[in-house]
Amino acid sequence: MIHSHERWLGAHGRLQRRILTPLASIQAQEQFQQQQQHSTLVTQRRTVVEAREVPTDQRFVFLQECLDWVQRRTVKENGAENG
């Protein structure tokens, strides 16, 4: 009886080493490849421009008014030259 049990343990060990372990690694490798095929990496970039009025010094307010006047005057003169 002991002899047959030892033979059974040997056969079971060979089954594990020769068939089941390689089979499990093949299945794991196939699952990994399938996961790689189905997964994609998407990166996105988004630029946000934010403008807001901030209370400033009166000198900067005057400077901005002057710049606006120059811009309006330039547009007006460019329109007169083309028209």
Protein backbone atom coordinates (compact mmCIF):
# COMPACT_ATOMS: atom_id res chain seq x y z
CA MET A 1 0.00 0.00 0.00
CA ILE A 2 2.83 2.41 0.84
CA HIS A 3 4.49 1.63 -2.48
CA SER A 4 1.38 2.54 -4.48
CA HIS A 5 0.96 5.77 -2.51
CA GLU A 6 4.56 6.75 -3.30
CA ARG A 7 3.97 6.02 -6.98
CA TRP A 8 0.82 8.14 -6.89
CA LEU A 9 2.73 11.06 -5.28
CA GLY A 10 5.44 10.77 -7.94
CA ALA A 11 2.90 10.77 -10.76
CA HIS A 12 1.10 13.71 -9.22
CA GLY A 13 4.39 15.66 -8.93
CA ARG A 14 5.28 14.96 -12.55
CA LEU A 15 1.80 16.08 -13.64
CA GLN A 16 2.29 19.33 -11.74
CA ARG A 17 5.79 20.01 -13.12
CA ARG A 18 5.29 18.93 -16.73
CA ILE A 19 1.71 19.91 -17.53
CA LEU A 20 -0.11 22.08 -15.02
CA THR A 21 2.63 24.63 -14.26
CA PRO A 22 3.49 25.33 -17.94
CA LEU A 23 -0.21 25.42 -18.81
CA ALA A 24 -0.90 27.98 -16.08
CA SER A 25 1.94 30.20 -17.28
CA ILE A 26 0.68 30.03 -20.88
CA GLN A 27 -2.82 30.99 -19.77
CA ALA A 28 -1.47 33.87 -17.68
CA GLN A 29 0.58 35.09 -20.63
CA GLU A 30 -2.46 34.97 -22.95
CA GLN A 31 -4.57 36.90 -20.44
CA PHE A 32 -1.85 39.55 -20.14
CA GLN A 33 -1.68 39.94 -23.92
CA GLN A 34 -5.46 40.26 -24.16
CA GLN A 35 -5.44 42.96 -21.47
CA GLN A 36 -2.74 44.85 -23.34
CA GLN A 37 -4.77 44.74 -26.56
CA HIS A 38 -7.86 46.14 -24.85
CA SER A 39 -6.22 48.85 -22.82
CA THR A 40 -5.20 52.16 -24.35
CA LEU A 41 -3.61 55.18 -22.79
CA VAL A 42 -5.03 58.56 -23.67
CA THR A 43 -3.40 61.77 -22.59
CA GLN A 44 -5.03 65.12 -22.98
CA ARG A 45 -3.79 68.62 -22.45
CA ARG A 46 -6.03 71.58 -21.91
CA THR A 47 -4.95 75.18 -21.71
CA VAL A 48 -7.13 77.55 -19.75
CA VAL A 49 -6.81 81.28 -20.12
CA GLU A 50 -8.33 83.30 -17.35
CA ALA A 51 -8.90 87.04 -17.46
CA ARG A 52 -10.23 89.09 -14.61
CA GLU A 53 -10.22 92.66 -13.59
CA VAL A 54 -8.12 93.46 -10.61
CA PRO A 55 -8.31 96.81 -8.87
CA THR A 56 -5.08 98.56 -9.74
CA ASP A 57 -3.28 101.78 -9.16
CA GLN A 58 -4.72 104.84 -10.93
CA ARG A 59 -1.51 105.24 -12.95
CA PHE A 60 -2.06 101.84 -14.53
CA VAL A 61 -5.70 102.68 -15.21
CA PHE A 62 -4.60 105.87 -17.00
CA LEU A 63 -1.97 103.92 -18.96
CA GLN A 64 -4.59 101.35 -20.04
CA GLU A 65 -6.90 104.17 -21.18
CA CYS A 66 -4.07 105.63 -23.24
CA LEU A 67 -3.35 102.25 -24.84
CA ASP A 68 -7.03 101.80 -25.66
CA TRP A 69 -7.12 105.29 -27.24
CA VAL A 70 -4.05 104.49 -29.38
CA GLN A 71 -5.64 101.22 -30.49
CA ARG A 72 -8.94 102.92 -31.44
CA ARG A 73 -7.07 105.70 -33.27
CA THR A 74 -4.96 103.16 -35.20
CA VAL A 75 -8.05 101.22 -36.27
CA LYS A 76 -9.77 104.46 -37.31
CA GLU A 77 -6.79 105.62 -39.40
CA ASN A 78 -6.31 102.22 -41.00
CA GLY A 79 -9.99 102.28 -41.99
CA ALA A 80 -9.59 105.79 -43.49
CA GLU A 81 -6.59 104.65 -45.56
CA ASN A 82 -8.45 101.65 -46.97
CA GLY A 83 -11.70 103.51 -47.60
